[in-house]
Amino acid sequence: MALIVQKYGGTSVGSPERIQTVAEKVARLRGQGHDLVVVVSAMSGETDRLIKLAKALHSEPPARELDVLLATGEQTTIALLTIALEKIGCPARSYTGSQVHIRTDNAYGKARILDIDAARIHADLKQGRVVVVAGFQGADEDGNITTLGRGGSDTTGVALAAALKADECQIYTDVDGIYTTDPRVVPEARRLDKITAEEMLEMASLGSKVLQIRSVEFAGKYKVPLRVLSSFEEGSGTLITYEEND
């Protein structure tokens, strides 16, 4: 059976009902014998709400304190998803980025991941637990909380998949894969079954919002098998490959 890292974005966990749906999806996959690490974003709108709170007090909040504040969005989601998993009989444990030793530099608001100590995650997986990790965050060498910038949960998912040598990293979002162009703008756009990392990197650099560009770079560097799927409908999504298509 496989070791799979799944990442769910803010719209996928945007309400208690959607968190329950994610929990059921995760539990079904675990029931098939797979080991699962689940990375989650803050609930949709939560990061913007926290920024608004900070700016109500200070027009330019100190970067360190803003990272401390913004990291609480994902901390809320990991706890709620773990509670939902436990309720349906799926053993799980939640961790913040610092608790699973996602070490970053100290560039607050746009930190880069330097290292991950996966020992704690492996120990939980051996105990049969689903491991739920907060995306978007880590800690520098002095223990200060850092965040990775917008879309940073994608990077967290890919980085964990690389560190764990996962069989696949699945990015769940509000679209069912990568399209030739934005299907909300061009109805004739078609979904791609496969795309090379180089092509995906080019699309991301030109403004495609499906994946954060840094996560695509990370996946390409470490050859992480990456698949983009929909949280709201079944399907095979789009696989990002590392060889040229015919």
C-alpha atoms as a PDB file:
ATOM      1  CA  MET A   1       0.000   0.000   0.000  1.00  0.00           C
ATOM      2  CA  ALA A   2       1.051   3.592  -0.600  1.00  0.00           C
ATOM      3  CA  LEU A   3       2.176   6.524   1.504  1.00  0.00           C
ATOM      4  CA  ILE A   4       0.141   9.486   0.270  1.00  0.00           C
ATOM      5  CA  VAL A   5       0.395  13.155   1.192  1.00  0.00           C
ATOM      6  CA  GLN A   6      -2.836  15.069   0.582  1.00  0.00           C
ATOM      7  CA  LYS A   7      -3.234  18.834   0.698  1.00  0.00           C
ATOM      8  CA  TYR A   8      -6.614  20.541   1.048  1.00  0.00           C
ATOM      9  CA  GLY A   9      -6.992  24.253   0.320  1.00  0.00           C
ATOM     10  CA  GLY A  10      -9.113  26.833   2.099  1.00  0.00           C
ATOM     11  CA  THR A  11     -12.281  26.282   0.066  1.00  0.00           C
ATOM     12  CA  SER A  12     -12.029  22.520   0.708  1.00  0.00           C
ATOM     13  CA  VAL A  13     -12.135  23.120   4.484  1.00  0.00           C
ATOM     14  CA  GLY A  14     -14.225  26.283   4.421  1.00  0.00           C
ATOM     15  CA  SER A  15     -17.002  25.066   6.753  1.00  0.00           C
ATOM     16  CA  PRO A  16     -17.658  22.295   9.299  1.00  0.00           C
ATOM     17  CA  GLU A  17     -19.618  20.427   6.617  1.00  0.00           C
ATOM     18  CA  ARG A  18     -16.715  20.554   4.177  1.00  0.00           C
ATOM     19  CA  ILE A  19     -14.258  19.498   6.872  1.00  0.00           C
ATOM     20  CA  GLN A  20     -16.550  16.523   7.553  1.00  0.00           C
ATOM     21  CA  THR A  21     -16.480  15.642   3.841  1.00  0.00           C
ATOM     22  CA  VAL A  22     -12.667  15.768   3.824  1.00  0.00           C
ATOM     23  CA  ALA A  23     -12.564  13.564   6.941  1.00  0.00           C
ATOM     24  CA  GLU A  24     -14.765  10.949   5.252  1.00  0.00           C
ATOM     25  CA  LYS A  25     -12.604  11.005   2.103  1.00  0.00           C
ATOM     26  CA  VAL A  26      -9.426  10.566   4.184  1.00  0.00           C
ATOM     27  CA  ALA A  27     -10.953   7.779   6.275  1.00  0.00           C
ATOM     28  CA  ARG A  28     -12.043   5.877   3.137  1.00  0.00           C
ATOM     29  CA  LEU A  29      -8.520   5.981   1.724  1.00  0.00           C
ATOM     30  CA  ARG A  30      -7.003   4.901   5.039  1.00  0.00           C
ATOM     31  CA  GLY A  31      -9.520   2.054   5.102  1.00  0.00           C
ATOM     32  CA  GLN A  32      -7.953   0.785   1.867  1.00  0.00           C
ATOM     33  CA  GLY A  33      -4.673   0.322   3.746  1.00  0.00           C
ATOM     34  CA  HIS A  34      -2.811   3.486   2.764  1.00  0.00           C
ATOM     35  CA  ASP A  35      -0.705   5.638   5.095  1.00  0.00           C
ATOM     36  CA  LEU A  36      -1.881   9.251   5.004  1.00  0.00           C
ATOM     37  CA  VAL A  37      -0.418  12.631   5.841  1.00  0.00           C
ATOM     38  CA  VAL A  38      -2.904  15.465   5.358  1.00  0.00           C
ATOM     39  CA  VAL A  39      -1.822  19.102   4.988  1.00  0.00           C
ATOM     40  CA  VAL A  40      -4.496  21.773   5.344  1.00  0.00           C
ATOM     41  CA  SER A  41      -4.807  25.498   4.760  1.00  0.00           C
ATOM     42  CA  ALA A  42      -6.757  27.944   6.888  1.00  0.00           C
ATOM     43  CA  MET A  43     -10.498  28.001   6.265  1.00  0.00           C
ATOM     44  CA  SER A  44     -11.341  30.215   3.281  1.00  0.00           C
ATOM     45  CA  GLY A  45     -11.343  33.891   4.231  1.00  0.00           C
ATOM     46  CA  GLU A  46      -9.625  33.315   7.585  1.00  0.00           C
ATOM     47  CA  THR A  47      -6.182  34.659   6.614  1.00  0.00           C
ATOM     48  CA  ASP A  48      -7.742  37.845   5.227  1.00  0.00           C
ATOM     49  CA  ARG A  49      -9.788  38.219   8.421  1.00  0.00           C
ATOM     50  CA  LEU A  50      -6.663  37.935  10.582  1.00  0.00           C
ATOM     51  CA  ILE A  51      -4.776  40.480   8.451  1.00  0.00           C
ATOM     52  CA  LYS A  52      -7.705  42.877   8.799  1.00  0.00           C
ATOM     53  CA  LEU A  53      -7.636  42.482  12.583  1.00  0.00           C
ATOM     54  CA  ALA A  54      -3.912  43.210  12.691  1.00  0.00           C
ATOM     55  CA  LYS A  55      -4.248  46.288  10.473  1.00  0.00           C
ATOM     56  CA  ALA A  56      -7.042  47.640  12.632  1.00  0.00           C
ATOM     57  CA  LEU A  57      -4.378  48.001  15.320  1.00  0.00           C
ATOM     58  CA  HIS A  58      -1.311  48.867  13.232  1.00  0.00           C
ATOM     59  CA  SER A  59      -1.131  49.911   9.574  1.00  0.00           C
ATOM     60  CA  GLU A  60       2.181  48.045   9.207  1.00  0.00           C
ATOM     61  CA  PRO A  61       2.176  45.186  11.744  1.00  0.00           C
ATOM     62  CA  PRO A  62       5.614  43.856  12.774  1.00  0.00           C
ATOM     63  CA  ALA A  63       6.399  40.957  10.418  1.00  0.00           C
ATOM     64  CA  ARG A  64       7.258  38.530  13.228  1.00  0.00           C
ATOM     65  CA  GLU A  65       3.985  39.144  15.069  1.00  0.00           C
ATOM     66  CA  LEU A  66       1.953  38.961  11.862  1.00  0.00           C
ATOM     67  CA  ASP A  67       3.376  35.471  11.216  1.00  0.00           C
ATOM     68  CA  VAL A  68       2.469  34.422  14.770  1.00  0.00           C
ATOM     69  CA  LEU A  69      -1.078  35.630  14.116  1.00  0.00           C
ATOM     70  CA  LEU A  70      -1.540  34.177  10.620  1.00  0.00           C
ATOM     71  CA  ALA A  71      -0.270  30.726  11.636  1.00  0.00           C
ATOM     72  CA  THR A  72      -3.310  30.362  13.921  1.00  0.00           C
ATOM     73  CA  GLY A  73      -5.574  29.973  10.873  1.00  0.00           C
ATOM     74  CA  GLU A  74      -4.065  26.600   9.962  1.00  0.00           C
ATOM     75  CA  GLN A  75      -3.851  25.591  13.618  1.00  0.00           C
ATOM     76  CA  THR A  76      -7.639  25.906  13.835  1.00  0.00           C
ATOM     77  CA  THR A  77      -8.151  23.722  10.761  1.00  0.00           C
ATOM     78  CA  ILE A  78      -5.813  20.897  11.806  1.00  0.00           C
ATOM     79  CA  ALA A  79      -7.608  20.603  15.155  1.00  0.00           C
ATOM     80  CA  LEU A  80     -11.073  20.614  13.567  1.00  0.00           C
ATOM     81  CA  LEU A  81     -10.150  18.008  10.940  1.00  0.00           C
ATOM     82  CA  THR A  82      -8.553  15.753  13.559  1.00  0.00           C
ATOM     83  CA  ILE A  83     -11.671  16.039  15.738  1.00  0.00           C
ATOM     84  CA  ALA A  84     -13.813  15.095  12.704  1.00  0.00           C
ATOM     85  CA  LEU A  85     -11.575  12.078  11.938  1.00  0.00           C
ATOM     86  CA  GLU A  86     -11.663  10.842  15.523  1.00  0.00           C
ATOM     87  CA  LYS A  87     -15.464  11.186  15.567  1.00  0.00           C
ATOM     88  CA  ILE A  88     -15.781   8.694  12.686  1.00  0.00           C
ATOM     89  CA  GLY A  89     -13.324   6.249  14.236  1.00  0.00           C
ATOM     90  CA  CYS A  90     -10.226   7.197  12.261  1.00  0.00           C
ATOM     91  CA  PRO A  91      -7.230   7.663  14.614  1.00  0.00           C
ATOM     92  CA  ALA A  92      -5.460  10.931  13.867  1.00  0.00           C
ATOM     93  CA  ARG A  93      -3.107  13.465  15.383  1.00  0.00           C
ATOM     94  CA  SER A  94      -2.576  17.118  14.459  1.00  0.00           C
ATOM     95  CA  TYR A  95       0.679  19.074  14.363  1.00  0.00           C
ATOM     96  CA  THR A  96       1.722  22.630  13.648  1.00  0.00           C
ATOM     97  CA  GLY A  97       4.666  23.191  11.319  1.00  0.00           C
ATOM     98  CA  SER A  98       7.077  23.739  14.189  1.00  0.00           C
ATOM     99  CA  GLN A  99       5.906  20.569  15.970  1.00  0.00           C
ATOM    100  CA  VAL A 100       6.993  18.420  13.033  1.00  0.00           C
ATOM    101  CA  HIS A 101      10.225  20.419  12.704  1.00  0.00           C
ATOM    102  CA  ILE A 102       9.603  22.171   9.408  1.00  0.00           C
ATOM    103  CA  ARG A 103      12.679  24.402   9.647  1.00  0.00           C
ATOM    104  CA  THR A 104      12.768  27.574   7.579  1.00  0.00           C
ATOM    105  CA  ASP A 105      14.897  30.673   7.179  1.00  0.00           C
ATOM    106  CA  ASN A 106      13.756  33.803   9.041  1.00  0.00           C
ATOM    107  CA  ALA A 107      12.233  35.719   6.115  1.00  0.00           C
ATOM    108  CA  TYR A 108       8.884  36.433   7.802  1.00  0.00           C
ATOM    109  CA  GLY A 109       5.938  36.261   5.444  1.00  0.00           C
ATOM    110  CA  LYS A 110       7.904  34.540   2.672  1.00  0.00           C
ATOM    111  CA  ALA A 111      10.092  31.984   4.462  1.00  0.00           C
ATOM    112  CA  ARG A 112      11.731  29.114   2.603  1.00  0.00           C
ATOM    113  CA  ILE A 113      11.809  25.554   3.903  1.00  0.00           C
ATOM    114  CA  LEU A 114      15.345  24.396   4.689  1.00  0.00           C
ATOM    115  CA  ASP A 115      14.793  21.026   6.337  1.00  0.00           C
ATOM    116  CA  ILE A 116      12.132  18.657   7.695  1.00  0.00           C
ATOM    117  CA  ASP A 117      12.632  16.050  10.413  1.00  0.00           C
ATOM    118  CA  ALA A 118      10.070  13.387   9.496  1.00  0.00           C
ATOM    119  CA  ALA A 119      10.728  11.091  12.491  1.00  0.00           C
ATOM    120  CA  ARG A 120       7.646  12.188  14.432  1.00  0.00           C
ATOM    121  CA  ILE A 121       5.383  11.669  11.431  1.00  0.00           C
ATOM    122  CA  HIS A 122       6.825   8.207  10.717  1.00  0.00           C
ATOM    123  CA  ALA A 123       6.247   7.223  14.352  1.00  0.00           C
ATOM    124  CA  ASP A 124       2.556   8.182  14.157  1.00  0.00           C
ATOM    125  CA  LEU A 125       2.089   6.422  10.829  1.00  0.00           C
ATOM    126  CA  LYS A 126       3.514   3.234  12.368  1.00  0.00           C
ATOM    127  CA  GLN A 127       0.880   3.557  15.085  1.00  0.00           C
ATOM    128  CA  GLY A 128      -1.822   3.579  12.393  1.00  0.00           C
ATOM    129  CA  ARG A 129      -2.700   7.266  12.723  1.00  0.00           C
ATOM    130  CA  VAL A 130      -3.496   9.789  10.042  1.00  0.00           C
ATOM    131  CA  VAL A 131      -1.110  12.728  10.541  1.00  0.00           C
ATOM    132  CA  VAL A 132      -2.681  16.167  10.013  1.00  0.00           C
ATOM    133  CA  VAL A 133      -0.143  18.970   9.483  1.00  0.00           C
ATOM    134  CA  ALA A 134      -0.652  22.725   9.295  1.00  0.00           C
ATOM    135  CA  GLY A 135       0.379  24.075   5.929  1.00  0.00           C
ATOM    136  CA  PHE A 136       1.899  27.499   5.216  1.00  0.00           C
ATOM    137  CA  GLN A 137       4.156  27.565   8.283  1.00  0.00           C
ATOM    138  CA  GLY A 138       7.319  26.450  10.005  1.00  0.00           C
ATOM    139  CA  ALA A 139       9.875  27.797  12.452  1.00  0.00           C
ATOM    140  CA  ASP A 140      13.354  29.256  12.079  1.00  0.00           C
ATOM    141  CA  GLU A 141      16.425  27.961  13.939  1.00  0.00           C
ATOM    142  CA  ASP A 142      15.567  30.181  16.922  1.00  0.00           C
ATOM    143  CA  GLY A 143      12.059  28.715  17.196  1.00  0.00           C
ATOM    144  CA  ASN A 144      10.264  31.772  15.802  1.00  0.00           C
ATOM    145  CA  ILE A 145       7.062  30.971  13.882  1.00  0.00           C
ATOM    146  CA  THR A 146       7.353  31.755  10.176  1.00  0.00           C
ATOM    147  CA  THR A 147       4.939  31.630   7.253  1.00  0.00           C
ATOM    148  CA  LEU A 148       5.664  30.713   3.638  1.00  0.00           C
ATOM    149  CA  GLY A 149       3.564  33.293   1.787  1.00  0.00           C
ATOM    150  CA  ARG A 150       0.308  32.970  -0.128  1.00  0.00           C
ATOM    151  CA  GLY A 151      -0.274  29.432  -1.372  1.00  0.00           C
ATOM    152  CA  GLY A 152       2.407  28.163   0.991  1.00  0.00           C
ATOM    153  CA  SER A 153       0.374  25.102   1.967  1.00  0.00           C
ATOM    154  CA  ASP A 154       1.078  23.667  -1.499  1.00  0.00           C
ATOM    155  CA  THR A 155       4.788  23.972  -0.759  1.00  0.00           C
ATOM    156  CA  THR A 156       4.323  22.344   2.646  1.00  0.00           C
ATOM    157  CA  GLY A 157       2.567  19.383   1.045  1.00  0.00           C
ATOM    158  CA  VAL A 158       5.213  18.890  -1.636  1.00  0.00           C
ATOM    159  CA  ALA A 159       8.078  19.338   0.850  1.00  0.00           C
ATOM    160  CA  LEU A 160       6.578  16.753   3.216  1.00  0.00           C
ATOM    161  CA  ALA A 161       6.069  14.343   0.318  1.00  0.00           C
ATOM    162  CA  ALA A 162       9.737  14.767  -0.610  1.00  0.00           C
ATOM    163  CA  ALA A 163      10.936  14.309   2.984  1.00  0.00           C
ATOM    164  CA  LEU A 164       8.748  11.227   3.501  1.00  0.00           C
ATOM    165  CA  LYS A 165       9.505   9.809   0.033  1.00  0.00           C
ATOM    166  CA  ALA A 166       5.763   9.552  -0.503  1.00  0.00           C
ATOM    167  CA  ASP A 167       4.321   7.600  -3.408  1.00  0.00           C
ATOM    168  CA  GLU A 168       2.187  10.581  -4.418  1.00  0.00           C
ATOM    169  CA  CYS A 169       1.352  14.125  -3.356  1.00  0.00           C
ATOM    170  CA  GLN A 170      -2.282  14.977  -4.066  1.00  0.00           C
ATOM    171  CA  ILE A 171      -3.309  18.642  -4.151  1.00  0.00           C
ATOM    172  CA  TYR A 172      -7.067  18.999  -3.630  1.00  0.00           C
ATOM    173  CA  THR A 173      -8.602  22.272  -4.724  1.00  0.00           C
ATOM    174  CA  ASP A 174     -11.818  23.733  -6.157  1.00  0.00           C
ATOM    175  CA  VAL A 175     -11.002  22.659  -9.728  1.00  0.00           C
ATOM    176  CA  ASP A 176     -10.711  19.094 -11.022  1.00  0.00           C
ATOM    177  CA  GLY A 177      -7.264  19.433 -12.581  1.00  0.00           C
ATOM    178  CA  ILE A 178      -5.073  21.602 -14.777  1.00  0.00           C
ATOM    179  CA  TYR A 179      -6.802  23.127 -17.803  1.00  0.00           C
ATOM    180  CA  THR A 180      -5.438  24.506 -21.072  1.00  0.00           C
ATOM    181  CA  THR A 181      -6.649  27.897 -19.829  1.00  0.00           C
ATOM    182  CA  ASP A 182      -8.989  29.196 -17.105  1.00  0.00           C
ATOM    183  CA  PRO A 183     -12.308  27.321 -17.617  1.00  0.00           C
ATOM    184  CA  ARG A 184     -14.155  30.062 -15.728  1.00  0.00           C
ATOM    185  CA  VAL A 185     -13.122  32.475 -18.475  1.00  0.00           C
ATOM    186  CA  VAL A 186     -12.983  30.183 -21.530  1.00  0.00           C
ATOM    187  CA  PRO A 187     -15.743  27.531 -21.519  1.00  0.00           C
ATOM    188  CA  GLU A 188     -13.953  25.550 -24.272  1.00  0.00           C
ATOM    189  CA  ALA A 189     -10.897  24.967 -22.035  1.00  0.00           C
ATOM    190  CA  ARG A 190     -10.124  21.283 -21.594  1.00  0.00           C
ATOM    191  CA  ARG A 191      -8.666  19.403 -18.681  1.00  0.00           C
ATOM    192  CA  LEU A 192      -5.254  17.810 -19.173  1.00  0.00           C
ATOM    193  CA  ASP A 193      -4.668  14.230 -17.999  1.00  0.00           C
ATOM    194  CA  LYS A 194      -0.927  14.893 -17.754  1.00  0.00           C
ATOM    195  CA  ILE A 195       1.402  17.862 -17.914  1.00  0.00           C
ATOM    196  CA  THR A 196       5.171  18.072 -17.516  1.00  0.00           C
ATOM    197  CA  ALA A 197       6.680  19.927 -14.580  1.00  0.00           C
ATOM    198  CA  GLU A 198       8.335  22.331 -17.019  1.00  0.00           C
ATOM    199  CA  GLU A 199       4.991  23.181 -18.623  1.00  0.00           C
ATOM    200  CA  MET A 200       3.340  23.578 -15.208  1.00  0.00           C
ATOM    201  CA  LEU A 201       6.144  25.860 -14.059  1.00  0.00           C
ATOM    202  CA  GLU A 202       5.642  28.032 -17.129  1.00  0.00           C
ATOM    203  CA  MET A 203       1.882  28.206 -16.531  1.00  0.00           C
ATOM    204  CA  ALA A 204       2.406  29.117 -12.871  1.00  0.00           C
ATOM    205  CA  SER A 205       4.900  31.845 -13.791  1.00  0.00           C
ATOM    206  CA  LEU A 206       2.369  33.281 -16.263  1.00  0.00           C
ATOM    207  CA  GLY A 207      -0.322  33.580 -13.610  1.00  0.00           C
ATOM    208  CA  SER A 208      -2.029  30.201 -13.288  1.00  0.00           C
ATOM    209  CA  LYS A 209      -3.371  30.100  -9.724  1.00  0.00           C
ATOM    210  CA  VAL A 210      -3.884  26.331  -9.422  1.00  0.00           C
ATOM    211  CA  LEU A 211      -0.468  25.713  -7.821  1.00  0.00           C
ATOM    212  CA  GLN A 212       1.982  28.035  -6.087  1.00  0.00           C
ATOM    213  CA  ILE A 213       5.070  28.422  -8.273  1.00  0.00           C
ATOM    214  CA  ARG A 214       7.455  27.516  -5.436  1.00  0.00           C
ATOM    215  CA  SER A 215       5.639  24.213  -4.880  1.00  0.00           C
ATOM    216  CA  VAL A 216       6.090  23.337  -8.571  1.00  0.00           C
ATOM    217  CA  GLU A 217       9.799  24.176  -8.344  1.00  0.00           C
ATOM    218  CA  PHE A 218      10.103  21.996  -5.237  1.00  0.00           C
ATOM    219  CA  ALA A 219       8.262  19.101  -6.887  1.00  0.00           C
ATOM    220  CA  GLY A 220      10.510  19.309  -9.948  1.00  0.00           C
ATOM    221  CA  LYS A 221      13.712  19.449  -7.892  1.00  0.00           C
ATOM    222  CA  TYR A 222      12.833  16.372  -5.821  1.00  0.00           C
ATOM    223  CA  LYS A 223      10.790  14.555  -8.499  1.00  0.00           C
ATOM    224  CA  VAL A 224       7.705  14.390  -6.282  1.00  0.00           C
ATOM    225  CA  PRO A 225       4.778  12.628  -8.053  1.00  0.00           C
ATOM    226  CA  LEU A 226       2.160  15.381  -7.992  1.00  0.00           C
ATOM    227  CA  ARG A 227      -1.541  15.188  -8.838  1.00  0.00           C
ATOM    228  CA  VAL A 228      -4.159  17.975  -8.841  1.00  0.00           C
ATOM    229  CA  LEU A 229      -7.691  16.856  -7.932  1.00  0.00           C
ATOM    230  CA  SER A 230     -11.074  18.323  -7.007  1.00  0.00           C
ATOM    231  CA  SER A 231     -12.326  18.247  -3.425  1.00  0.00           C
ATOM    232  CA  PHE A 232     -15.904  18.316  -4.637  1.00  0.00           C
ATOM    233  CA  GLU A 233     -16.129  15.689  -7.375  1.00  0.00           C
ATOM    234  CA  GLU A 234     -14.528  12.361  -8.173  1.00  0.00           C
ATOM    235  CA  GLY A 235     -11.988  12.045 -10.946  1.00  0.00           C
ATOM    236  CA  SER A 236      -8.373  11.281 -11.782  1.00  0.00           C
ATOM    237  CA  GLY A 237      -7.331  14.946 -11.978  1.00  0.00           C
ATOM    238  CA  THR A 238      -4.072  15.956 -13.674  1.00  0.00           C
ATOM    239  CA  LEU A 239      -0.753  14.202 -13.092  1.00  0.00           C
ATOM    240  CA  ILE A 240       2.412  16.313 -13.246  1.00  0.00           C
ATOM    241  CA  THR A 241       5.169  14.244 -14.835  1.00  0.00           C
ATOM    242  CA  TYR A 242       8.928  14.589 -15.216  1.00  0.00           C
ATOM    243  CA  GLU A 243       9.460  13.429 -18.772  1.00  0.00           C
ATOM    244  CA  GLU A 244       8.397  14.994 -22.048  1.00  0.00           C
ATOM    245  CA  ASN A 245       5.019  13.971 -23.407  1.00  0.00           C
ATOM    246  CA  ASP A 246       4.890  12.320 -26.838  1.00  0.00           C
END
